[in-house]
Structures are given as structure tokens and as C-alpha cells.
Amino acid sequence: MNKQIIVIDREHNRHTFEFTEGQTIASVIKTNLSPGNYMMCGGCCSCATCHVYVDQAWISKLQPMDEDESDLLYEDHVNEYSRLGCQIVLTDELDGIEVKIA
């Protein structure tokens, strides 16, 4: 069975995309939606343009945020569900995860 991620874009449209284990959330979004000004650093955790809000049902299933990611998430629109999509590697356990592009 194909693994899927649900993405809410900046216009509040809901999309479902397939992913391969090992891809990041940011790479799936960039490949399928190509939103403007998204993942500008190419996914190397240096710009925070891949900021997403992870649905609260999934946030506890993620690896903890490391210091580099935490340092980049300092803007006013950051909340407890904020993560950088480039730092979330998709696994079988994350099949069905839902995120919203910040």
C-alpha cells in the first residue's frame, strides 16, 4: 500500500500526496506543490522557509526538534506545532500525517 501525507496549502486547499520512506515533508511539498518562497535553502535547515504546522495528533510521533531547527523557529507565527519540513523524515509510522504550510 502507498504511504500518504496530507498537506494544507497556503490557500487552505487540502492535498494528498504519496511519499517514499526517507523523503522529508519539505521535499514532498516542493515536488508536488512548488509553493513560492518554499524550501529556499534546498532543505539544509538554514532558512526556515519550509515551516509547517503539524497536526496535533501527529506531533508526538515525531523525533524531537534539534537545536538548529529550534533556533530557526523564532518568528511571531510559530506555535507548539511548528516544525521545519526539511527536518521531518517520513517513515512508515508517519503514513497519513497532516501538515499545514505556514
C-alpha atoms as a PDB file:
ATOM      1  CA  MET A   1       0.000   0.000   0.000  1.00  0.00           C
ATOM      2  CA  ASN A   2       1.182   3.537  -0.778  1.00  0.00           C
ATOM      3  CA  LYS A   3       2.103   5.836   2.088  1.00  0.00           C
ATOM      4  CA  GLN A   4       0.495   9.269   2.095  1.00  0.00           C
ATOM      5  CA  ILE A   5       0.893  12.742   3.527  1.00  0.00           C
ATOM      6  CA  ILE A   6      -1.906  15.303   3.725  1.00  0.00           C
ATOM      7  CA  VAL A   7      -0.864  18.895   3.058  1.00  0.00           C
ATOM      8  CA  ILE A   8      -2.967  22.017   3.578  1.00  0.00           C
ATOM      9  CA  ASP A   9      -1.549  24.745   1.334  1.00  0.00           C
ATOM     10  CA  ARG A  10      -1.424  28.477   1.984  1.00  0.00           C
ATOM     11  CA  GLU A  11      -4.835  28.931   0.335  1.00  0.00           C
ATOM     12  CA  HIS A  12      -6.311  26.287   2.690  1.00  0.00           C
ATOM     13  CA  ASN A  13      -6.668  23.654  -0.054  1.00  0.00           C
ATOM     14  CA  ARG A  14      -6.214  20.049   1.041  1.00  0.00           C
ATOM     15  CA  HIS A  15      -3.878  17.782  -0.955  1.00  0.00           C
ATOM     16  CA  THR A  16      -2.919  14.141  -0.528  1.00  0.00           C
ATOM     17  CA  PHE A  17       0.472  13.038  -1.843  1.00  0.00           C
ATOM     18  CA  GLU A  18       2.279   9.729  -1.838  1.00  0.00           C
ATOM     19  CA  PHE A  19       5.716   9.529  -0.291  1.00  0.00           C
ATOM     20  CA  THR A  20       8.611   7.125  -0.161  1.00  0.00           C
ATOM     21  CA  GLU A  21      10.136   6.341   3.189  1.00  0.00           C
ATOM     22  CA  GLY A  22      13.186   8.553   3.712  1.00  0.00           C
ATOM     23  CA  GLN A  23      11.799  11.627   1.945  1.00  0.00           C
ATOM     24  CA  THR A  24      11.282  14.753   4.010  1.00  0.00           C
ATOM     25  CA  ILE A  25       7.989  16.581   4.337  1.00  0.00           C
ATOM     26  CA  ALA A  26       9.590  19.599   2.652  1.00  0.00           C
ATOM     27  CA  SER A  27      10.747  17.591  -0.369  1.00  0.00           C
ATOM     28  CA  VAL A  28       7.266  16.119  -0.888  1.00  0.00           C
ATOM     29  CA  ILE A  29       5.706  19.587  -0.726  1.00  0.00           C
ATOM     30  CA  LYS A  30       8.329  21.141  -3.004  1.00  0.00           C
ATOM     31  CA  THR A  31       7.988  18.356  -5.592  1.00  0.00           C
ATOM     32  CA  ASN A  32       4.195  18.326  -5.672  1.00  0.00           C
ATOM     33  CA  LEU A  33       3.166  21.931  -4.981  1.00  0.00           C
ATOM     34  CA  SER A  34       6.220  24.133  -5.566  1.00  0.00           C
ATOM     35  CA  PRO A  35       4.856  26.971  -3.417  1.00  0.00           C
ATOM     36  CA  GLY A  36       6.631  30.296  -3.834  1.00  0.00           C
ATOM     37  CA  ASN A  37       9.468  31.021  -1.409  1.00  0.00           C
ATOM     38  CA  TYR A  38       9.367  27.464  -0.055  1.00  0.00           C
ATOM     39  CA  MET A  39      12.469  25.467   0.922  1.00  0.00           C
ATOM     40  CA  MET A  40      14.759  28.157  -0.447  1.00  0.00           C
ATOM     41  CA  CYS A  41      17.891  26.649   1.134  1.00  0.00           C
ATOM     42  CA  GLY A  42      17.266  23.303  -0.533  1.00  0.00           C
ATOM     43  CA  GLY A  43      16.449  21.535   2.694  1.00  0.00           C
ATOM     44  CA  CYS A  44      19.620  22.067   4.698  1.00  0.00           C
ATOM     45  CA  CYS A  45      17.997  23.679   7.785  1.00  0.00           C
ATOM     46  CA  SER A  46      19.255  27.193   7.229  1.00  0.00           C
ATOM     47  CA  CYS A  47      16.315  29.360   6.166  1.00  0.00           C
ATOM     48  CA  ALA A  48      13.026  28.218   7.815  1.00  0.00           C
ATOM     49  CA  THR A  49      11.052  28.704   4.591  1.00  0.00           C
ATOM     50  CA  CYS A  50       9.742  25.135   4.912  1.00  0.00           C
ATOM     51  CA  HIS A  51       7.926  25.960   8.169  1.00  0.00           C
ATOM     52  CA  VAL A  52       4.849  23.765   8.624  1.00  0.00           C
ATOM     53  CA  TYR A  53       2.301  23.230  11.361  1.00  0.00           C
ATOM     54  CA  VAL A  54       1.987  19.540  12.186  1.00  0.00           C
ATOM     55  CA  ASP A  55      -1.495  18.344  13.092  1.00  0.00           C
ATOM     56  CA  GLN A  56      -1.598  17.890  16.864  1.00  0.00           C
ATOM     57  CA  ALA A  57      -2.465  14.186  16.518  1.00  0.00           C
ATOM     58  CA  TRP A  58       0.944  13.623  14.910  1.00  0.00           C
ATOM     59  CA  ILE A  59       3.285  15.948  16.794  1.00  0.00           C
ATOM     60  CA  SER A  60       4.129  13.381  19.495  1.00  0.00           C
ATOM     61  CA  LYS A  61       5.129  10.821  16.857  1.00  0.00           C
ATOM     62  CA  LEU A  62       7.986  12.997  15.578  1.00  0.00           C
ATOM     63  CA  GLN A  63      11.610  12.973  16.627  1.00  0.00           C
ATOM     64  CA  PRO A  64      12.342  15.858  18.994  1.00  0.00           C
ATOM     65  CA  MET A  65      13.435  19.140  17.463  1.00  0.00           C
ATOM     66  CA  ASP A  66      17.195  19.669  17.497  1.00  0.00           C
ATOM     67  CA  GLU A  67      18.904  22.927  18.419  1.00  0.00           C
ATOM     68  CA  ASP A  68      19.441  24.106  14.816  1.00  0.00           C
ATOM     69  CA  GLU A  69      15.756  23.714  13.995  1.00  0.00           C
ATOM     70  CA  SER A  70      14.695  25.361  17.230  1.00  0.00           C
ATOM     71  CA  ASP A  71      16.982  28.339  16.577  1.00  0.00           C
ATOM     72  CA  LEU A  72      15.332  28.954  13.194  1.00  0.00           C
ATOM     73  CA  LEU A  73      11.759  28.829  14.516  1.00  0.00           C
ATOM     74  CA  TYR A  74      11.583  32.170  16.308  1.00  0.00           C
ATOM     75  CA  GLU A  75       9.041  34.173  14.293  1.00  0.00           C
ATOM     76  CA  ASP A  76       5.747  35.505  15.620  1.00  0.00           C
ATOM     77  CA  HIS A  77       3.698  32.860  13.789  1.00  0.00           C
ATOM     78  CA  VAL A  78       5.471  29.921  15.458  1.00  0.00           C
ATOM     79  CA  ASN A  79       3.401  27.739  17.767  1.00  0.00           C
ATOM     80  CA  GLU A  80       3.702  24.422  19.602  1.00  0.00           C
ATOM     81  CA  TYR A  81       3.003  22.538  16.345  1.00  0.00           C
ATOM     82  CA  SER A  82       5.649  24.373  14.308  1.00  0.00           C
ATOM     83  CA  ARG A  83       8.375  22.341  12.661  1.00  0.00           C
ATOM     84  CA  LEU A  84      10.660  22.649   9.662  1.00  0.00           C
ATOM     85  CA  GLY A  85       9.544  20.265   6.948  1.00  0.00           C
ATOM     86  CA  CYS A  86      13.155  19.624   5.917  1.00  0.00           C
ATOM     87  CA  GLN A  87      13.848  18.120   9.341  1.00  0.00           C
ATOM     88  CA  ILE A  88      10.997  15.598   9.365  1.00  0.00           C
ATOM     89  CA  VAL A  89      11.994  12.395   7.611  1.00  0.00           C
ATOM     90  CA  LEU A  90       8.936  10.411   6.580  1.00  0.00           C
ATOM     91  CA  THR A  91       8.665   6.819   7.784  1.00  0.00           C
ATOM     92  CA  ASP A  92       6.020   4.104   7.651  1.00  0.00           C
ATOM     93  CA  GLU A  93       4.839   5.277  11.080  1.00  0.00           C
ATOM     94  CA  LEU A  94       4.032   8.711   9.628  1.00  0.00           C
ATOM     95  CA  ASP A  95       1.707   7.350   6.929  1.00  0.00           C
ATOM     96  CA  GLY A  96      -1.297   9.715   6.931  1.00  0.00           C
ATOM     97  CA  ILE A  97       0.445  12.648   8.676  1.00  0.00           C
ATOM     98  CA  GLU A  98      -1.217  16.008   8.137  1.00  0.00           C
ATOM     99  CA  VAL A  99       0.621  19.324   7.941  1.00  0.00           C
ATOM    100  CA  LYS A 100      -0.259  22.889   7.008  1.00  0.00           C
ATOM    101  CA  ILE A 101       2.201  25.137   5.205  1.00  0.00           C
ATOM    102  CA  ALA A 102       2.891  28.164   7.398  1.00  0.00           C
END
